[in-house]
Structures are given as C-alpha cells and as structure tokens.
C-alpha cells in the first residue's frame, strides 16, 4: 500500500511585508496546515524537532496533539525526534499519550538530528554522538514491547524490571529511523526491527537504492519481519513548474545561506538547484503533474511504499504553504496512487 504525507520543520514564515511572524503565529499556522492535510486526504503529517529562532518547533508532540483534536484520520508523528539528546522513556510516554489522544494515529521517526543545537541545550557532548544514538535507540526498542524493562547502558540510569506507561490500545507505536547516508544506520534500523525512512535532501535519488536492498537483506539476517521503506525529500507544489520554482528558490537560497554560515559549506547555485529539481534530483518542486511523476519514479527506484514531502522553507509565506498542502493532497497524491496501482 502506498502512503503519502507531509513533513515540516515549522520554519518561521514571513507576512505580506516580508517580516518574520512570531513563533506563536508560526505554530498556530502550522496547526492549520496539519488540519488541511487531513481534509485533503493525506496519510501522514509529521513535524521535525528543532531548537532555533527560525525553526522553533521544540515540542512537536504538543502541536501534534492540537492537530489530533481537530482531525480524525491522518497519522501524526515526528520527523525526526532527536532521541540522542532526549530521554527514550519520556519520548515513549509523550507519543503513547499522543496515540491515546489521536485514537491510535501516532507514530515516531527517530534520528540523530541534522542540527546539533539540542546537544549543548540539554548538556550532551557531541563526542558521544554515536554512542548516545545507539544506546537510546536500543532502549526505545525495548519500551515498545510494553513489558517490564530491564536495560543498562552508559548514558542514563539503568531500568530494572520497571514498567512504563501509558500503554497503547492497538499495539506498538509505528517507529521509523531517519537515515541520511550511512549503511551502518541502515543495518542498525533492521537490527532493532524499525522501519526505514530515507532522508534524501540533495543529489541523485537513485544513489539510495542500495540502502533499500541492504535494509531488506539485513532484516532477513536478523530474523525480523519485513518493514516498509519511506522517502523524505524537500519540495514545493504550485500551479505550474515556473510558479513553483519562482516561489521556492528565494527562500531555499536564503535558508541554505543561513545554514552555510553555521556549518561552513557552499551555498547551492541556481544551476545546482535546477539540477536537483530535474527528473533525477532530490527536490520535488513543480506542478502537480511534475511532482507526481517524479514521486512515482522515486518510489519505484527505491522500492519504497511511503513518500513524505518536506514542504516549507524559512520565510515562505503561510498562504503559499496552504496552497502547497492542498495541491499535494488533491492533485499529487491521487495521481501517484493511480500510477503506482497501474
């Protein structure tokens, strides 16, 4: 079964005069976008955790709870929860609570986090980056069994036969690991029995195809049941290809210019941007027809059954985001489902 959804990092948007909206208005607008995603028939809506002035979504589960109260069908989750700098017990409790509030619609995507601002914020050493993720992912896998947990590691107090509540009503919370390019992370995902979310944000999409093969081979070797593969990639949908590029590019460049200053890499040129917007690249920017064809091709190339469009970019107005959500749900998703079915 093919499922289609939207991811957002809750970027601060601009008003009609190009001024950034408040964090409060940004979050309230985000709730409206999630409600619209349900109304237009999408399968998933997810919010990524960040802790910055321009991405203030530090408590995604609270926002998802508000969306749950106004929706009935769409699945709600994280994209991603930075479990390395959080406590797995609290993550489980928050999303089990969201599962109750939403009547069984919660899911979680765990990740290391592409941004590292949460590590100093919560007192973690980036030198422990790999160990933090490995140990906490392993603990989360135990918590999903909803049985008394006995666990010990090096980065949090041990659990000795303790139960964690609340329990869910309809089985374990669907859990994914977001993977951005590490074969070791793919194998780890299979070892824990999680589903695999390929975070493809640049370059040729096809280069991730070996990861899907590796994941399914690893599941077999670990004796795990089959698990789905999903794709998370950025993009923007508008009425025409030209309009989509015109709306998205200025904010894409602005965002990457800001990130480049922090991380020391080059800002993509317009030509590089257009290459990623092309048929083989990782950006899904265009008309509904263009984006639908490209998603269908990616799902087939990667052997995936889920696609989440990471929509929005720092400053891109709320009205444009609402149009994107509506077009993705009413135009893109039906075409993809039809093409994949045939």
C-alpha atoms as a PDB file:
ATOM      1  CA  UNK A   1       0.000   0.000   0.000  1.00  0.00           C
ATOM      2  CA  UNK A   2       1.359   3.422  -0.986  1.00  0.00           C
ATOM      3  CA  UNK A   3       1.046   6.199   1.592  1.00  0.00           C
ATOM      4  CA  UNK A   4       1.754   9.886   1.088  1.00  0.00           C
ATOM      5  CA  UNK A   5       2.252  12.657   3.584  1.00  0.00           C
ATOM      6  CA  UNK A   6       3.913  15.900   4.553  1.00  0.00           C
ATOM      7  CA  UNK A   7       6.838  16.748   6.822  1.00  0.00           C
ATOM      8  CA  UNK A   8       7.625  20.189   8.166  1.00  0.00           C
ATOM      9  CA  UNK A   9      10.310  21.712  10.362  1.00  0.00           C
ATOM     10  CA  UNK A  10       7.960  24.521  11.360  1.00  0.00           C
ATOM     11  CA  UNK A  11      10.065  27.222   9.731  1.00  0.00           C
ATOM     12  CA  UNK A  12       9.133  30.774  10.707  1.00  0.00           C
ATOM     13  CA  UNK A  13       7.214  32.327   7.817  1.00  0.00           C
ATOM     14  CA  UNK A  14       7.004  35.926   6.605  1.00  0.00           C
ATOM     15  CA  UNK A  15       3.991  38.214   6.458  1.00  0.00           C
ATOM     16  CA  UNK A  16       2.897  40.168   3.363  1.00  0.00           C
ATOM     17  CA  UNK A  17       5.567  42.817   4.053  1.00  0.00           C
ATOM     18  CA  UNK A  18       8.341  40.215   4.299  1.00  0.00           C
ATOM     19  CA  UNK A  19       8.608  40.425   8.088  1.00  0.00           C
ATOM     20  CA  UNK A  20       9.015  37.204  10.114  1.00  0.00           C
ATOM     21  CA  UNK A  21       5.922  36.142  12.011  1.00  0.00           C
ATOM     22  CA  UNK A  22       6.085  35.479  15.732  1.00  0.00           C
ATOM     23  CA  UNK A  23       6.816  31.977  16.974  1.00  0.00           C
ATOM     24  CA  UNK A  24       3.261  31.785  18.304  1.00  0.00           C
ATOM     25  CA  UNK A  25       1.678  32.707  14.967  1.00  0.00           C
ATOM     26  CA  UNK A  26       4.001  30.287  13.163  1.00  0.00           C
ATOM     27  CA  UNK A  27       2.889  27.428  15.410  1.00  0.00           C
ATOM     28  CA  UNK A  28      -0.809  28.288  15.080  1.00  0.00           C
ATOM     29  CA  UNK A  29      -0.444  28.423  11.297  1.00  0.00           C
ATOM     30  CA  UNK A  30       1.256  25.044  11.407  1.00  0.00           C
ATOM     31  CA  UNK A  31      -1.770  23.571  13.164  1.00  0.00           C
ATOM     32  CA  UNK A  32      -3.979  24.900  10.341  1.00  0.00           C
ATOM     33  CA  UNK A  33      -1.673  23.241   7.796  1.00  0.00           C
ATOM     34  CA  UNK A  34      -1.938  19.913   9.598  1.00  0.00           C
ATOM     35  CA  UNK A  35      -5.729  20.140   9.712  1.00  0.00           C
ATOM     36  CA  UNK A  36      -5.819  20.907   5.983  1.00  0.00           C
ATOM     37  CA  UNK A  37      -3.583  17.900   5.282  1.00  0.00           C
ATOM     38  CA  UNK A  38      -6.245  15.699   6.874  1.00  0.00           C
ATOM     39  CA  UNK A  39      -9.056  17.407   4.981  1.00  0.00           C
ATOM     40  CA  UNK A  40      -7.393  16.818   1.593  1.00  0.00           C
ATOM     41  CA  UNK A  41      -6.892  13.115   2.250  1.00  0.00           C
ATOM     42  CA  UNK A  42      -3.188  12.744   3.037  1.00  0.00           C
ATOM     43  CA  UNK A  43      -1.984   9.775   5.085  1.00  0.00           C
ATOM     44  CA  UNK A  44       0.704  11.334   7.307  1.00  0.00           C
ATOM     45  CA  UNK A  45       1.637  14.666   8.839  1.00  0.00           C
ATOM     46  CA  UNK A  46       4.933  14.961  10.708  1.00  0.00           C
ATOM     47  CA  UNK A  47       6.895  17.681  12.480  1.00  0.00           C
ATOM     48  CA  UNK A  48      10.677  17.712  12.889  1.00  0.00           C
ATOM     49  CA  UNK A  49      12.246  18.777  16.179  1.00  0.00           C
ATOM     50  CA  UNK A  50      14.415  21.905  16.150  1.00  0.00           C
ATOM     51  CA  UNK A  51      15.500  24.453  18.745  1.00  0.00           C
ATOM     52  CA  UNK A  52      16.316  27.639  16.845  1.00  0.00           C
ATOM     53  CA  UNK A  53      14.888  31.113  16.426  1.00  0.00           C
ATOM     54  CA  UNK A  54      13.890  30.340  12.839  1.00  0.00           C
ATOM     55  CA  UNK A  55      12.707  26.758  13.490  1.00  0.00           C
ATOM     56  CA  UNK A  56      11.073  26.936  16.940  1.00  0.00           C
ATOM     57  CA  UNK A  57       9.331  23.534  16.923  1.00  0.00           C
ATOM     58  CA  UNK A  58      10.949  22.193  20.087  1.00  0.00           C
ATOM     59  CA  UNK A  59       7.800  20.394  21.324  1.00  0.00           C
ATOM     60  CA  UNK A  60       6.352  18.739  18.236  1.00  0.00           C
ATOM     61  CA  UNK A  61       4.197  16.323  20.219  1.00  0.00           C
ATOM     62  CA  UNK A  62       2.275  19.216  21.800  1.00  0.00           C
ATOM     63  CA  UNK A  63       1.487  20.686  18.371  1.00  0.00           C
ATOM     64  CA  UNK A  64       0.550  17.240  17.066  1.00  0.00           C
ATOM     65  CA  UNK A  65      -1.842  16.856  19.988  1.00  0.00           C
ATOM     66  CA  UNK A  66      -3.567  20.075  18.960  1.00  0.00           C
ATOM     67  CA  UNK A  67      -3.833  18.799  15.384  1.00  0.00           C
ATOM     68  CA  UNK A  68      -5.169  15.463  16.665  1.00  0.00           C
ATOM     69  CA  UNK A  69      -8.028  17.243  18.415  1.00  0.00           C
ATOM     70  CA  UNK A  70      -9.179  18.713  15.079  1.00  0.00           C
ATOM     71  CA  UNK A  71      -8.653  15.704  12.803  1.00  0.00           C
ATOM     72  CA  UNK A  72      -9.969  12.166  12.595  1.00  0.00           C
ATOM     73  CA  UNK A  73      -7.966  10.131  10.105  1.00  0.00           C
ATOM     74  CA  UNK A  74      -4.443  11.337   9.331  1.00  0.00           C
ATOM     75  CA  UNK A  75      -1.475   9.716  11.118  1.00  0.00           C
ATOM     76  CA  UNK A  76       0.607  12.133  13.193  1.00  0.00           C
ATOM     77  CA  UNK A  77       4.256  11.859  14.075  1.00  0.00           C
ATOM     78  CA  UNK A  78       7.734  13.299  14.349  1.00  0.00           C
ATOM     79  CA  UNK A  79      10.199  13.941  11.541  1.00  0.00           C
ATOM     80  CA  UNK A  80      12.502  13.490  13.420  1.00  0.00           C
ATOM     81  CA  UNK A  81      12.681  13.236  17.204  1.00  0.00           C
ATOM     82  CA  UNK A  82      16.319  13.737  18.192  1.00  0.00           C
ATOM     83  CA  UNK A  83      16.438  10.823  20.593  1.00  0.00           C
ATOM     84  CA  UNK A  84      20.190  11.248  21.162  1.00  0.00           C
ATOM     85  CA  UNK A  85      19.570  14.371  23.280  1.00  0.00           C
ATOM     86  CA  UNK A  86      16.229  13.265  24.741  1.00  0.00           C
ATOM     87  CA  UNK A  87      15.220  10.558  27.181  1.00  0.00           C
ATOM     88  CA  UNK A  88      13.725   7.484  25.480  1.00  0.00           C
ATOM     89  CA  UNK A  89      11.317   6.899  28.344  1.00  0.00           C
ATOM     90  CA  UNK A  90       9.880  10.397  28.031  1.00  0.00           C
ATOM     91  CA  UNK A  91       9.741  10.142  24.228  1.00  0.00           C
ATOM     92  CA  UNK A  92       7.802   6.904  24.533  1.00  0.00           C
ATOM     93  CA  UNK A  93       5.444   8.381  27.129  1.00  0.00           C
ATOM     94  CA  UNK A  94       4.748  11.502  25.070  1.00  0.00           C
ATOM     95  CA  UNK A  95       3.979   9.597  21.874  1.00  0.00           C
ATOM     96  CA  UNK A  96       1.978   6.920  23.681  1.00  0.00           C
ATOM     97  CA  UNK A  97      -0.077   9.794  25.094  1.00  0.00           C
ATOM     98  CA  UNK A  98      -0.437  11.277  21.591  1.00  0.00           C
ATOM     99  CA  UNK A  99      -1.570   7.833  20.443  1.00  0.00           C
ATOM    100  CA  UNK A 100      -4.353   7.929  23.051  1.00  0.00           C
ATOM    101  CA  UNK A 101      -5.362  11.500  22.211  1.00  0.00           C
ATOM    102  CA  UNK A 102      -5.474  10.709  18.483  1.00  0.00           C
ATOM    103  CA  UNK A 103      -7.225   7.349  18.890  1.00  0.00           C
ATOM    104  CA  UNK A 104      -4.302   5.272  17.642  1.00  0.00           C
ATOM    105  CA  UNK A 105      -2.804   7.584  14.993  1.00  0.00           C
ATOM    106  CA  UNK A 106       0.622   8.318  16.484  1.00  0.00           C
ATOM    107  CA  UNK A 107       3.979   7.309  15.036  1.00  0.00           C
ATOM    108  CA  UNK A 108       7.548   8.393  15.604  1.00  0.00           C
ATOM    109  CA  UNK A 109      10.624   8.825  13.435  1.00  0.00           C
ATOM    110  CA  UNK A 110      13.807   8.714  15.494  1.00  0.00           C
ATOM    111  CA  UNK A 111      17.022  10.292  14.331  1.00  0.00           C
ATOM    112  CA  UNK A 112      20.381  11.707  15.285  1.00  0.00           C
ATOM    113  CA  UNK A 113      19.270  15.116  14.070  1.00  0.00           C
ATOM    114  CA  UNK A 114      20.802  17.034  11.183  1.00  0.00           C
ATOM    115  CA  UNK A 115      21.156  20.006  13.556  1.00  0.00           C
ATOM    116  CA  UNK A 116      23.066  19.760  16.809  1.00  0.00           C
ATOM    117  CA  UNK A 117      21.647  22.652  18.838  1.00  0.00           C
ATOM    118  CA  UNK A 118      19.854  20.271  21.209  1.00  0.00           C
ATOM    119  CA  UNK A 119      23.103  18.717  22.457  1.00  0.00           C
ATOM    120  CA  UNK A 120      24.504  21.729  24.371  1.00  0.00           C
ATOM    121  CA  UNK A 121      20.964  22.750  25.313  1.00  0.00           C
ATOM    122  CA  UNK A 122      20.444  19.515  27.265  1.00  0.00           C
ATOM    123  CA  UNK A 123      24.031  19.023  28.367  1.00  0.00           C
ATOM    124  CA  UNK A 124      25.252  16.322  25.982  1.00  0.00           C
ATOM    125  CA  UNK A 125      28.727  16.029  24.490  1.00  0.00           C
ATOM    126  CA  UNK A 126      28.879  15.809  20.693  1.00  0.00           C
ATOM    127  CA  UNK A 127      31.821  13.491  21.180  1.00  0.00           C
ATOM    128  CA  UNK A 128      29.272  10.916  22.349  1.00  0.00           C
ATOM    129  CA  UNK A 129      27.158  11.379  19.186  1.00  0.00           C
ATOM    130  CA  UNK A 130      27.209   7.744  18.029  1.00  0.00           C
ATOM    131  CA  UNK A 131      27.019   6.131  21.458  1.00  0.00           C
ATOM    132  CA  UNK A 132      24.066   8.288  22.506  1.00  0.00           C
ATOM    133  CA  UNK A 133      22.022   7.284  19.486  1.00  0.00           C
ATOM    134  CA  UNK A 134      22.896   3.581  19.625  1.00  0.00           C
ATOM    135  CA  UNK A 135      22.062   3.148  23.305  1.00  0.00           C
ATOM    136  CA  UNK A 136      18.914   5.252  23.280  1.00  0.00           C
ATOM    137  CA  UNK A 137      17.531   3.618  20.118  1.00  0.00           C
ATOM    138  CA  UNK A 138      18.086   0.223  21.737  1.00  0.00           C
ATOM    139  CA  UNK A 139      16.213   1.307  24.861  1.00  0.00           C
ATOM    140  CA  UNK A 140      13.334   2.683  22.798  1.00  0.00           C
ATOM    141  CA  UNK A 141      13.021  -0.693  21.047  1.00  0.00           C
ATOM    142  CA  UNK A 142      12.588  -2.326  24.459  1.00  0.00           C
ATOM    143  CA  UNK A 143       9.998   0.243  25.564  1.00  0.00           C
ATOM    144  CA  UNK A 144       7.834  -0.522  22.525  1.00  0.00           C
ATOM    145  CA  UNK A 145       7.275  -4.059  23.828  1.00  0.00           C
ATOM    146  CA  UNK A 146       5.210  -2.536  26.697  1.00  0.00           C
ATOM    147  CA  UNK A 147       6.570  -5.054  29.181  1.00  0.00           C
ATOM    148  CA  UNK A 148       8.701  -4.502  32.299  1.00  0.00           C
ATOM    149  CA  UNK A 149      12.048  -3.217  31.029  1.00  0.00           C
ATOM    150  CA  UNK A 150      15.456  -4.343  32.226  1.00  0.00           C
ATOM    151  CA  UNK A 151      18.148  -2.305  30.497  1.00  0.00           C
ATOM    152  CA  UNK A 152      21.523  -0.791  31.265  1.00  0.00           C
ATOM    153  CA  UNK A 153      23.844   1.469  29.351  1.00  0.00           C
ATOM    154  CA  UNK A 154      26.420   4.167  29.905  1.00  0.00           C
ATOM    155  CA  UNK A 155      24.439   7.368  29.372  1.00  0.00           C
ATOM    156  CA  UNK A 156      21.327   7.139  31.597  1.00  0.00           C
ATOM    157  CA  UNK A 157      20.310   5.269  34.756  1.00  0.00           C
ATOM    158  CA  UNK A 158      19.519   1.593  34.284  1.00  0.00           C
ATOM    159  CA  UNK A 159      15.995   0.180  34.368  1.00  0.00           C
ATOM    160  CA  UNK A 160      15.472  -2.969  36.434  1.00  0.00           C
ATOM    161  CA  UNK A 161      12.138  -4.597  35.649  1.00  0.00           C
ATOM    162  CA  UNK A 162      10.285  -1.279  35.512  1.00  0.00           C
ATOM    163  CA  UNK A 163       7.061  -0.694  33.570  1.00  0.00           C
ATOM    164  CA  UNK A 164       6.489   2.481  31.577  1.00  0.00           C
ATOM    165  CA  UNK A 165       3.036   3.971  30.998  1.00  0.00           C
ATOM    166  CA  UNK A 166       0.658   4.682  29.325  1.00  0.00           C
ATOM    167  CA  UNK A 167       0.209   1.516  27.287  1.00  0.00           C
ATOM    168  CA  UNK A 168      -1.230   1.844  23.802  1.00  0.00           C
ATOM    169  CA  UNK A 169      -4.555   0.300  22.797  1.00  0.00           C
ATOM    170  CA  UNK A 170      -3.687  -1.049  19.355  1.00  0.00           C
ATOM    171  CA  UNK A 171      -0.133  -2.327  19.573  1.00  0.00           C
ATOM    172  CA  UNK A 172       3.336  -0.780  19.381  1.00  0.00           C
ATOM    173  CA  UNK A 173       3.707   2.761  18.057  1.00  0.00           C
ATOM    174  CA  UNK A 174       4.959   2.553  14.448  1.00  0.00           C
ATOM    175  CA  UNK A 175       8.608   3.587  14.664  1.00  0.00           C
ATOM    176  CA  UNK A 176      10.999   4.595  11.902  1.00  0.00           C
ATOM    177  CA  UNK A 177      14.658   5.579  11.847  1.00  0.00           C
ATOM    178  CA  UNK A 178      15.618   8.526   9.658  1.00  0.00           C
ATOM    179  CA  UNK A 179      18.776   7.673   7.700  1.00  0.00           C
ATOM    180  CA  UNK A 180      20.706  10.226   5.699  1.00  0.00           C
ATOM    181  CA  UNK A 181      23.503   8.213   4.099  1.00  0.00           C
ATOM    182  CA  UNK A 182      25.093   5.721   6.483  1.00  0.00           C
ATOM    183  CA  UNK A 183      24.973   1.968   5.719  1.00  0.00           C
ATOM    184  CA  UNK A 184      25.649   1.324   9.416  1.00  0.00           C
ATOM    185  CA  UNK A 185      22.457   3.202  10.287  1.00  0.00           C
ATOM    186  CA  UNK A 186      20.508   1.078   7.800  1.00  0.00           C
ATOM    187  CA  UNK A 187      21.745  -2.131   9.439  1.00  0.00           C
ATOM    188  CA  UNK A 188      21.024  -0.762  12.917  1.00  0.00           C
ATOM    189  CA  UNK A 189      17.457   0.052  11.853  1.00  0.00           C
ATOM    190  CA  UNK A 190      16.936  -3.532  10.711  1.00  0.00           C
ATOM    191  CA  UNK A 191      18.521  -4.977  13.864  1.00  0.00           C
ATOM    192  CA  UNK A 192      16.018  -3.151  16.061  1.00  0.00           C
ATOM    193  CA  UNK A 193      13.096  -4.030  13.778  1.00  0.00           C
ATOM    194  CA  UNK A 194      12.227  -0.423  12.940  1.00  0.00           C
ATOM    195  CA  UNK A 195      11.044   0.859   9.556  1.00  0.00           C
ATOM    196  CA  UNK A 196      13.477   2.797   7.351  1.00  0.00           C
ATOM    197  CA  UNK A 197      12.982   6.443   6.344  1.00  0.00           C
ATOM    198  CA  UNK A 198      15.495   7.603   3.730  1.00  0.00           C
ATOM    199  CA  UNK A 199      16.159  11.332   4.177  1.00  0.00           C
ATOM    200  CA  UNK A 200      17.211  12.424   0.669  1.00  0.00           C
ATOM    201  CA  UNK A 201      17.841  16.148   0.532  1.00  0.00           C
ATOM    202  CA  UNK A 202      20.275  16.517  -2.362  1.00  0.00           C
ATOM    203  CA  UNK A 203      21.931  14.741  -5.254  1.00  0.00           C
ATOM    204  CA  UNK A 204      20.570  11.860  -7.342  1.00  0.00           C
ATOM    205  CA  UNK A 205      17.774   9.920  -5.663  1.00  0.00           C
ATOM    206  CA  UNK A 206      18.899   6.627  -7.245  1.00  0.00           C
ATOM    207  CA  UNK A 207      22.091   6.552  -5.165  1.00  0.00           C
ATOM    208  CA  UNK A 208      19.936   5.477  -2.191  1.00  0.00           C
ATOM    209  CA  UNK A 209      18.587   2.371  -3.944  1.00  0.00           C
ATOM    210  CA  UNK A 210      21.330   0.110  -2.479  1.00  0.00           C
ATOM    211  CA  UNK A 211      20.171   1.120   1.008  1.00  0.00           C
ATOM    212  CA  UNK A 212      16.738  -0.400   0.401  1.00  0.00           C
ATOM    213  CA  UNK A 213      18.377  -3.630  -0.751  1.00  0.00           C
ATOM    214  CA  UNK A 214      20.730  -3.621   2.258  1.00  0.00           C
ATOM    215  CA  UNK A 215      17.826  -2.994   4.635  1.00  0.00           C
ATOM    216  CA  UNK A 216      15.761  -5.937   3.403  1.00  0.00           C
ATOM    217  CA  UNK A 217      18.776  -8.243   3.404  1.00  0.00           C
ATOM    218  CA  UNK A 218      19.596  -7.183   6.979  1.00  0.00           C
ATOM    219  CA  UNK A 219      16.006  -7.780   8.108  1.00  0.00           C
ATOM    220  CA  UNK A 220      16.270 -11.336   6.815  1.00  0.00           C
ATOM    221  CA  UNK A 221      19.625 -11.900   8.502  1.00  0.00           C
ATOM    222  CA  UNK A 222      18.308 -10.648  11.849  1.00  0.00           C
ATOM    223  CA  UNK A 223      15.141 -12.742  11.506  1.00  0.00           C
ATOM    224  CA  UNK A 224      12.949  -9.653  11.508  1.00  0.00           C
ATOM    225  CA  UNK A 225       9.621  -9.371   9.656  1.00  0.00           C
ATOM    226  CA  UNK A 226       9.530  -7.167   6.580  1.00  0.00           C
ATOM    227  CA  UNK A 227       9.307  -3.450   7.268  1.00  0.00           C
ATOM    228  CA  UNK A 228       8.421  -0.591   4.919  1.00  0.00           C
ATOM    229  CA  UNK A 229      10.854   1.861   3.360  1.00  0.00           C
ATOM    230  CA  UNK A 230       9.874   5.521   3.146  1.00  0.00           C
ATOM    231  CA  UNK A 231      11.350   8.605   1.483  1.00  0.00           C
ATOM    232  CA  UNK A 232      11.584  12.123   2.935  1.00  0.00           C
ATOM    233  CA  UNK A 233      12.598  14.870   0.475  1.00  0.00           C
ATOM    234  CA  UNK A 234      12.081  18.640   0.227  1.00  0.00           C
ATOM    235  CA  UNK A 235       9.828  20.310  -2.292  1.00  0.00           C
ATOM    236  CA  UNK A 236       7.062  22.713  -3.154  1.00  0.00           C
ATOM    237  CA  UNK A 237       3.954  22.358  -5.320  1.00  0.00           C
ATOM    238  CA  UNK A 238       2.311  25.228  -7.218  1.00  0.00           C
ATOM    239  CA  UNK A 239       0.020  25.523 -10.232  1.00  0.00           C
ATOM    240  CA  UNK A 240       2.909  25.438 -12.743  1.00  0.00           C
ATOM    241  CA  UNK A 241       6.553  24.427 -12.755  1.00  0.00           C
ATOM    242  CA  UNK A 242       7.594  28.042 -13.255  1.00  0.00           C
ATOM    243  CA  UNK A 243       5.491  29.301 -10.361  1.00  0.00           C
ATOM    244  CA  UNK A 244       6.806  26.610  -8.025  1.00  0.00           C
ATOM    245  CA  UNK A 245      10.432  27.480  -8.808  1.00  0.00           C
ATOM    246  CA  UNK A 246       9.756  31.222  -8.564  1.00  0.00           C
ATOM    247  CA  UNK A 247       8.106  30.834  -5.149  1.00  0.00           C
ATOM    248  CA  UNK A 248      10.527  28.324  -3.657  1.00  0.00           C
ATOM    249  CA  UNK A 249      14.011  29.310  -4.862  1.00  0.00           C
ATOM    250  CA  UNK A 250      14.449  32.644  -2.999  1.00  0.00           C
ATOM    251  CA  UNK A 251      13.604  31.034   0.345  1.00  0.00           C
ATOM    252  CA  UNK A 252      15.618  27.902  -0.410  1.00  0.00           C
ATOM    253  CA  UNK A 253      18.677  30.063  -1.120  1.00  0.00           C
ATOM    254  CA  UNK A 254      18.023  32.192   1.970  1.00  0.00           C
ATOM    255  CA  UNK A 255      17.778  29.119   4.199  1.00  0.00           C
ATOM    256  CA  UNK A 256      20.881  27.436   2.820  1.00  0.00           C
ATOM    257  CA  UNK A 257      22.834  30.680   3.040  1.00  0.00           C
ATOM    258  CA  UNK A 258      21.986  30.806   6.737  1.00  0.00           C
ATOM    259  CA  UNK A 259      22.896  27.148   7.289  1.00  0.00           C
ATOM    260  CA  UNK A 260      26.105  27.519   5.274  1.00  0.00           C
ATOM    261  CA  UNK A 261      27.327  30.255   7.616  1.00  0.00           C
ATOM    262  CA  UNK A 262      26.838  27.898  10.562  1.00  0.00           C
ATOM    263  CA  UNK A 263      28.327  24.765   9.017  1.00  0.00           C
ATOM    264  CA  UNK A 264      30.866  26.085   6.548  1.00  0.00           C
ATOM    265  CA  UNK A 265      29.645  24.683   3.251  1.00  0.00           C
ATOM    266  CA  UNK A 266      28.901  26.360  -0.073  1.00  0.00           C
ATOM    267  CA  UNK A 267      25.525  27.860  -0.867  1.00  0.00           C
ATOM    268  CA  UNK A 268      23.934  25.985  -3.813  1.00  0.00           C
ATOM    269  CA  UNK A 269      23.827  27.956  -7.048  1.00  0.00           C
ATOM    270  CA  UNK A 270      20.621  28.374  -9.032  1.00  0.00           C
ATOM    271  CA  UNK A 271      22.006  25.927 -11.602  1.00  0.00           C
ATOM    272  CA  UNK A 272      22.633  23.319  -8.900  1.00  0.00           C
ATOM    273  CA  UNK A 273      19.139  23.937  -7.573  1.00  0.00           C
ATOM    274  CA  UNK A 274      17.632  23.333 -11.018  1.00  0.00           C
ATOM    275  CA  UNK A 275      19.632  20.129 -11.343  1.00  0.00           C
ATOM    276  CA  UNK A 276      18.088  18.819  -8.121  1.00  0.00           C
ATOM    277  CA  UNK A 277      14.660  19.960  -9.330  1.00  0.00           C
ATOM    278  CA  UNK A 278      15.210  17.891 -12.501  1.00  0.00           C
ATOM    279  CA  UNK A 279      13.939  14.339 -13.028  1.00  0.00           C
ATOM    280  CA  UNK A 280      16.762  12.587 -11.146  1.00  0.00           C
ATOM    281  CA  UNK A 281      17.357  15.082  -8.323  1.00  0.00           C
ATOM    282  CA  UNK A 282      16.153  15.192  -4.743  1.00  0.00           C
ATOM    283  CA  UNK A 283      13.949  18.323  -4.889  1.00  0.00           C
ATOM    284  CA  UNK A 284      10.258  17.901  -5.728  1.00  0.00           C
ATOM    285  CA  UNK A 285       9.462  21.393  -6.961  1.00  0.00           C
ATOM    286  CA  UNK A 286       6.888  21.866  -9.694  1.00  0.00           C
ATOM    287  CA  UNK A 287       3.322  21.465 -10.845  1.00  0.00           C
ATOM    288  CA  UNK A 288       1.166  18.605  -9.518  1.00  0.00           C
ATOM    289  CA  UNK A 289       1.821  16.556 -12.667  1.00  0.00           C
ATOM    290  CA  UNK A 290       5.585  17.065 -12.499  1.00  0.00           C
ATOM    291  CA  UNK A 291       5.830  16.253  -8.794  1.00  0.00           C
ATOM    292  CA  UNK A 292       3.524  13.220  -9.071  1.00  0.00           C
ATOM    293  CA  UNK A 293       5.583  11.692 -11.877  1.00  0.00           C
ATOM    294  CA  UNK A 294       8.809  12.291 -10.006  1.00  0.00           C
ATOM    295  CA  UNK A 295       7.478  10.755  -6.755  1.00  0.00           C
ATOM    296  CA  UNK A 296       6.240   7.700  -8.626  1.00  0.00           C
ATOM    297  CA  UNK A 297       9.648   7.232 -10.230  1.00  0.00           C
ATOM    298  CA  UNK A 298      11.410   7.583  -6.864  1.00  0.00           C
ATOM    299  CA  UNK A 299       9.130   5.066  -5.128  1.00  0.00           C
ATOM    300  CA  UNK A 300       9.768   2.513  -7.860  1.00  0.00           C
ATOM    301  CA  UNK A 301      13.518   3.145  -7.977  1.00  0.00           C
ATOM    302  CA  UNK A 302      13.888   2.806  -4.219  1.00  0.00           C
ATOM    303  CA  UNK A 303      11.381   0.013  -3.634  1.00  0.00           C
ATOM    304  CA  UNK A 304       9.602   2.325  -1.196  1.00  0.00           C
ATOM    305  CA  UNK A 305       5.950   2.461  -0.181  1.00  0.00           C
ATOM    306  CA  UNK A 306       5.817   5.855   1.529  1.00  0.00           C
ATOM    307  CA  UNK A 307       6.723   9.365   0.419  1.00  0.00           C
ATOM    308  CA  UNK A 308       6.745  12.409   2.690  1.00  0.00           C
ATOM    309  CA  UNK A 309       7.255  15.809   1.090  1.00  0.00           C
ATOM    310  CA  UNK A 310       9.221  18.103   3.368  1.00  0.00           C
ATOM    311  CA  UNK A 311       7.336  21.283   2.499  1.00  0.00           C
ATOM    312  CA  UNK A 312       8.093  24.851   3.542  1.00  0.00           C
ATOM    313  CA  UNK A 313      11.285  26.857   3.819  1.00  0.00           C
ATOM    314  CA  UNK A 314      12.284  29.663   6.149  1.00  0.00           C
ATOM    315  CA  UNK A 315      10.233  32.740   5.207  1.00  0.00           C
ATOM    316  CA  UNK A 316       7.952  31.090   2.635  1.00  0.00           C
ATOM    317  CA  UNK A 317       4.524  32.618   3.376  1.00  0.00           C
ATOM    318  CA  UNK A 318       1.782  30.619   5.074  1.00  0.00           C
ATOM    319  CA  UNK A 319      -0.574  31.205   2.143  1.00  0.00           C
ATOM    320  CA  UNK A 320       1.872  29.522  -0.237  1.00  0.00           C
ATOM    321  CA  UNK A 321       2.248  26.634   2.190  1.00  0.00           C
ATOM    322  CA  UNK A 322      -1.516  26.168   2.394  1.00  0.00           C
ATOM    323  CA  UNK A 323      -1.718  26.116  -1.413  1.00  0.00           C
ATOM    324  CA  UNK A 324       1.082  23.537  -1.490  1.00  0.00           C
ATOM    325  CA  UNK A 325      -0.683  21.328   1.076  1.00  0.00           C
ATOM    326  CA  UNK A 326      -3.954  21.497  -0.852  1.00  0.00           C
ATOM    327  CA  UNK A 327      -2.368  20.717  -4.227  1.00  0.00           C
ATOM    328  CA  UNK A 328      -0.327  17.873  -2.776  1.00  0.00           C
ATOM    329  CA  UNK A 329      -3.416  16.275  -1.276  1.00  0.00           C
ATOM    330  CA  UNK A 330      -5.951  16.889  -4.042  1.00  0.00           C
ATOM    331  CA  UNK A 331      -3.771  16.644  -7.166  1.00  0.00           C
ATOM    332  CA  UNK A 332      -0.414  14.976  -6.488  1.00  0.00           C
ATOM    333  CA  UNK A 333      -1.425  12.162  -4.144  1.00  0.00           C
ATOM    334  CA  UNK A 334      -4.288  10.791  -6.282  1.00  0.00           C
ATOM    335  CA  UNK A 335      -2.043  10.716  -9.361  1.00  0.00           C
ATOM    336  CA  UNK A 336       0.731   8.892  -7.519  1.00  0.00           C
ATOM    337  CA  UNK A 337      -1.701   6.303  -6.149  1.00  0.00           C
ATOM    338  CA  UNK A 338      -3.156   5.721  -9.613  1.00  0.00           C
ATOM    339  CA  UNK A 339       0.250   5.425 -11.287  1.00  0.00           C
ATOM    340  CA  UNK A 340       1.611   3.070  -8.630  1.00  0.00           C
ATOM    341  CA  UNK A 341      -1.508   0.919  -8.859  1.00  0.00           C
ATOM    342  CA  UNK A 342      -1.043   0.536 -12.604  1.00  0.00           C
END
